[in-house]
Amino acid sequence: MNRRDICEAAAELIGGDRAAQHGDALVGFAAIARIMDALDVVRGARPRGAEDHALAMIVVKLVRASTNPRHLDNWIDIAGYAALGGEIASESEP
């Protein structure tokens, strides 16, 4: 698969199945931004760590699950990212 094929495949997904499955991208991205802003407020001055990126992935899946709660992949991914974030946090220095 070359770069043109990849870009065409991506265009098909974001304009078709993914849009139908996850809703309007602008609405979803705006919701994700608001939640991430709230997490930044409560994190305070603590530097962003790997566990925070697990939270960011949970936020994406949370918004997607809110748009389409019957798409079980979102729920499974939330559980997976939570497990990974918890593991990272338990191995990190305080």
C-alpha atoms as a PDB file:
ATOM      1  CA  MET A   1       0.000   0.000   0.000  1.00  0.00           C
ATOM      2  CA  ASN A   2       1.500   3.352  -0.981  1.00  0.00           C
ATOM      3  CA  ARG A   3       0.906   6.806   0.553  1.00  0.00           C
ATOM      4  CA  ARG A   4      -1.863   7.665  -1.905  1.00  0.00           C
ATOM      5  CA  ASP A   5      -3.688   4.408  -1.103  1.00  0.00           C
ATOM      6  CA  ILE A   6      -3.317   5.111   2.610  1.00  0.00           C
ATOM      7  CA  CYS A   7      -4.701   8.650   2.265  1.00  0.00           C
ATOM      8  CA  GLU A   8      -7.606   7.414   0.143  1.00  0.00           C
ATOM      9  CA  ALA A   9      -8.403   4.702   2.697  1.00  0.00           C
ATOM     10  CA  ALA A  10      -8.309   7.283   5.496  1.00  0.00           C
ATOM     11  CA  ALA A  11     -10.627   9.597   3.540  1.00  0.00           C
ATOM     12  CA  GLU A  12     -13.093   6.739   3.058  1.00  0.00           C
ATOM     13  CA  LEU A  13     -13.083   5.938   6.779  1.00  0.00           C
ATOM     14  CA  ILE A  14     -13.453   9.463   8.147  1.00  0.00           C
ATOM     15  CA  GLY A  15     -16.126  10.369   5.637  1.00  0.00           C
ATOM     16  CA  GLY A  16     -18.101   7.164   5.904  1.00  0.00           C
ATOM     17  CA  ASP A  17     -18.099   4.474   8.559  1.00  0.00           C
ATOM     18  CA  ARG A  18     -16.176   6.385  11.213  1.00  0.00           C
ATOM     19  CA  ALA A  19     -18.325   9.489  10.885  1.00  0.00           C
ATOM     20  CA  ALA A  20     -21.469   7.395  11.194  1.00  0.00           C
ATOM     21  CA  GLN A  21     -20.035   5.448  14.122  1.00  0.00           C
ATOM     22  CA  HIS A  22     -18.458   8.282  16.133  1.00  0.00           C
ATOM     23  CA  GLY A  23     -20.489  11.345  15.172  1.00  0.00           C
ATOM     24  CA  ASP A  24     -19.426  14.753  13.930  1.00  0.00           C
ATOM     25  CA  ALA A  25     -15.678  15.214  14.365  1.00  0.00           C
ATOM     26  CA  LEU A  26     -15.900  18.896  15.310  1.00  0.00           C
ATOM     27  CA  VAL A  27     -18.421  18.194  18.075  1.00  0.00           C
ATOM     28  CA  GLY A  28     -16.386  15.262  19.368  1.00  0.00           C
ATOM     29  CA  PHE A  29     -13.049  17.065  19.259  1.00  0.00           C
ATOM     30  CA  ALA A  30     -14.546  20.096  21.031  1.00  0.00           C
ATOM     31  CA  ALA A  31     -15.902  17.839  23.791  1.00  0.00           C
ATOM     32  CA  ILE A  32     -12.516  16.127  24.123  1.00  0.00           C
ATOM     33  CA  ALA A  33     -10.810  19.541  24.391  1.00  0.00           C
ATOM     34  CA  ARG A  34     -13.165  20.657  27.182  1.00  0.00           C
ATOM     35  CA  ILE A  35     -12.577  17.483  29.181  1.00  0.00           C
ATOM     36  CA  MET A  36      -8.811  17.707  28.679  1.00  0.00           C
ATOM     37  CA  ASP A  37      -8.903  21.337  29.850  1.00  0.00           C
ATOM     38  CA  ALA A  38     -10.687  20.198  33.027  1.00  0.00           C
ATOM     39  CA  LEU A  39      -8.074  17.495  33.614  1.00  0.00           C
ATOM     40  CA  ASP A  40      -5.310  20.067  33.144  1.00  0.00           C
ATOM     41  CA  VAL A  41      -6.931  22.273  35.810  1.00  0.00           C
ATOM     42  CA  VAL A  42      -7.051  19.508  38.405  1.00  0.00           C
ATOM     43  CA  ARG A  43      -3.565  18.216  37.498  1.00  0.00           C
ATOM     44  CA  GLY A  44      -2.216  21.645  38.400  1.00  0.00           C
ATOM     45  CA  ALA A  45       1.523  22.151  38.193  1.00  0.00           C
ATOM     46  CA  ARG A  46       2.313  18.432  38.191  1.00  0.00           C
ATOM     47  CA  PRO A  47       4.142  17.610  34.959  1.00  0.00           C
ATOM     48  CA  ARG A  48       2.152  15.547  32.475  1.00  0.00           C
ATOM     49  CA  GLY A  49       3.206  11.899  32.674  1.00  0.00           C
ATOM     50  CA  ALA A  50       2.543   8.681  30.800  1.00  0.00           C
ATOM     51  CA  GLU A  51      -0.494   7.952  32.971  1.00  0.00           C
ATOM     52  CA  ASP A  52      -1.974  11.277  31.839  1.00  0.00           C
ATOM     53  CA  HIS A  53      -1.768  10.070  28.258  1.00  0.00           C
ATOM     54  CA  ALA A  54      -3.708   6.962  29.268  1.00  0.00           C
ATOM     55  CA  LEU A  55      -6.333   9.362  30.655  1.00  0.00           C
ATOM     56  CA  ALA A  56      -6.325  11.254  27.349  1.00  0.00           C
ATOM     57  CA  MET A  57      -7.063   8.047  25.465  1.00  0.00           C
ATOM     58  CA  ILE A  58      -9.872   7.291  27.931  1.00  0.00           C
ATOM     59  CA  VAL A  59     -11.299  10.755  27.241  1.00  0.00           C
ATOM     60  CA  VAL A  60     -11.372  10.042  23.493  1.00  0.00           C
ATOM     61  CA  LYS A  61     -13.118   6.728  24.055  1.00  0.00           C
ATOM     62  CA  LEU A  62     -15.474   8.275  26.630  1.00  0.00           C
ATOM     63  CA  VAL A  63     -16.658  10.849  24.100  1.00  0.00           C
ATOM     64  CA  ARG A  64     -17.027   8.168  21.443  1.00  0.00           C
ATOM     65  CA  ALA A  65     -18.977   5.934  23.849  1.00  0.00           C
ATOM     66  CA  SER A  66     -21.249   8.883  24.638  1.00  0.00           C
ATOM     67  CA  THR A  67     -21.940   9.298  20.927  1.00  0.00           C
ATOM     68  CA  ASN A  68     -22.473   5.601  20.278  1.00  0.00           C
ATOM     69  CA  PRO A  69     -22.867   3.630  23.533  1.00  0.00           C
ATOM     70  CA  ARG A  70     -23.698   0.397  21.706  1.00  0.00           C
ATOM     71  CA  HIS A  71     -20.257   0.239  20.053  1.00  0.00           C
ATOM     72  CA  LEU A  72     -18.610  -2.080  22.574  1.00  0.00           C
ATOM     73  CA  ASP A  73     -15.070  -1.461  21.314  1.00  0.00           C
ATOM     74  CA  ASN A  74     -15.116   1.901  23.110  1.00  0.00           C
ATOM     75  CA  TRP A  75     -15.967   0.298  26.449  1.00  0.00           C
ATOM     76  CA  ILE A  76     -13.308  -2.367  25.993  1.00  0.00           C
ATOM     77  CA  ASP A  77     -10.713   0.263  25.105  1.00  0.00           C
ATOM     78  CA  ILE A  78     -11.656   2.358  28.170  1.00  0.00           C
ATOM     79  CA  ALA A  79     -11.038  -0.677  30.384  1.00  0.00           C
ATOM     80  CA  GLY A  80      -7.750  -1.406  28.626  1.00  0.00           C
ATOM     81  CA  TYR A  81      -6.465   2.162  28.877  1.00  0.00           C
ATOM     82  CA  ALA A  82      -7.501   2.294  32.549  1.00  0.00           C
ATOM     83  CA  ALA A  83      -5.562  -0.913  33.227  1.00  0.00           C
ATOM     84  CA  LEU A  84      -2.497   0.416  31.411  1.00  0.00           C
ATOM     85  CA  GLY A  85      -2.702   3.778  33.187  1.00  0.00           C
ATOM     86  CA  GLY A  86      -3.073   2.098  36.559  1.00  0.00           C
ATOM     87  CA  GLU A  87      -0.109  -0.139  35.881  1.00  0.00           C
ATOM     88  CA  ILE A  88       2.017   2.819  34.798  1.00  0.00           C
ATOM     89  CA  ALA A  89       0.950   4.855  37.842  1.00  0.00           C
ATOM     90  CA  SER A  90       1.707   2.008  40.246  1.00  0.00           C
ATOM     91  CA  GLU A  91       5.211   1.632  38.803  1.00  0.00           C
ATOM     92  CA  SER A  92       5.996   5.369  38.730  1.00  0.00           C
ATOM     93  CA  GLU A  93       7.671   7.297  41.495  1.00  0.00           C
ATOM     94  CA  PRO A  94       5.279   9.595  43.367  1.00  0.00           C
END
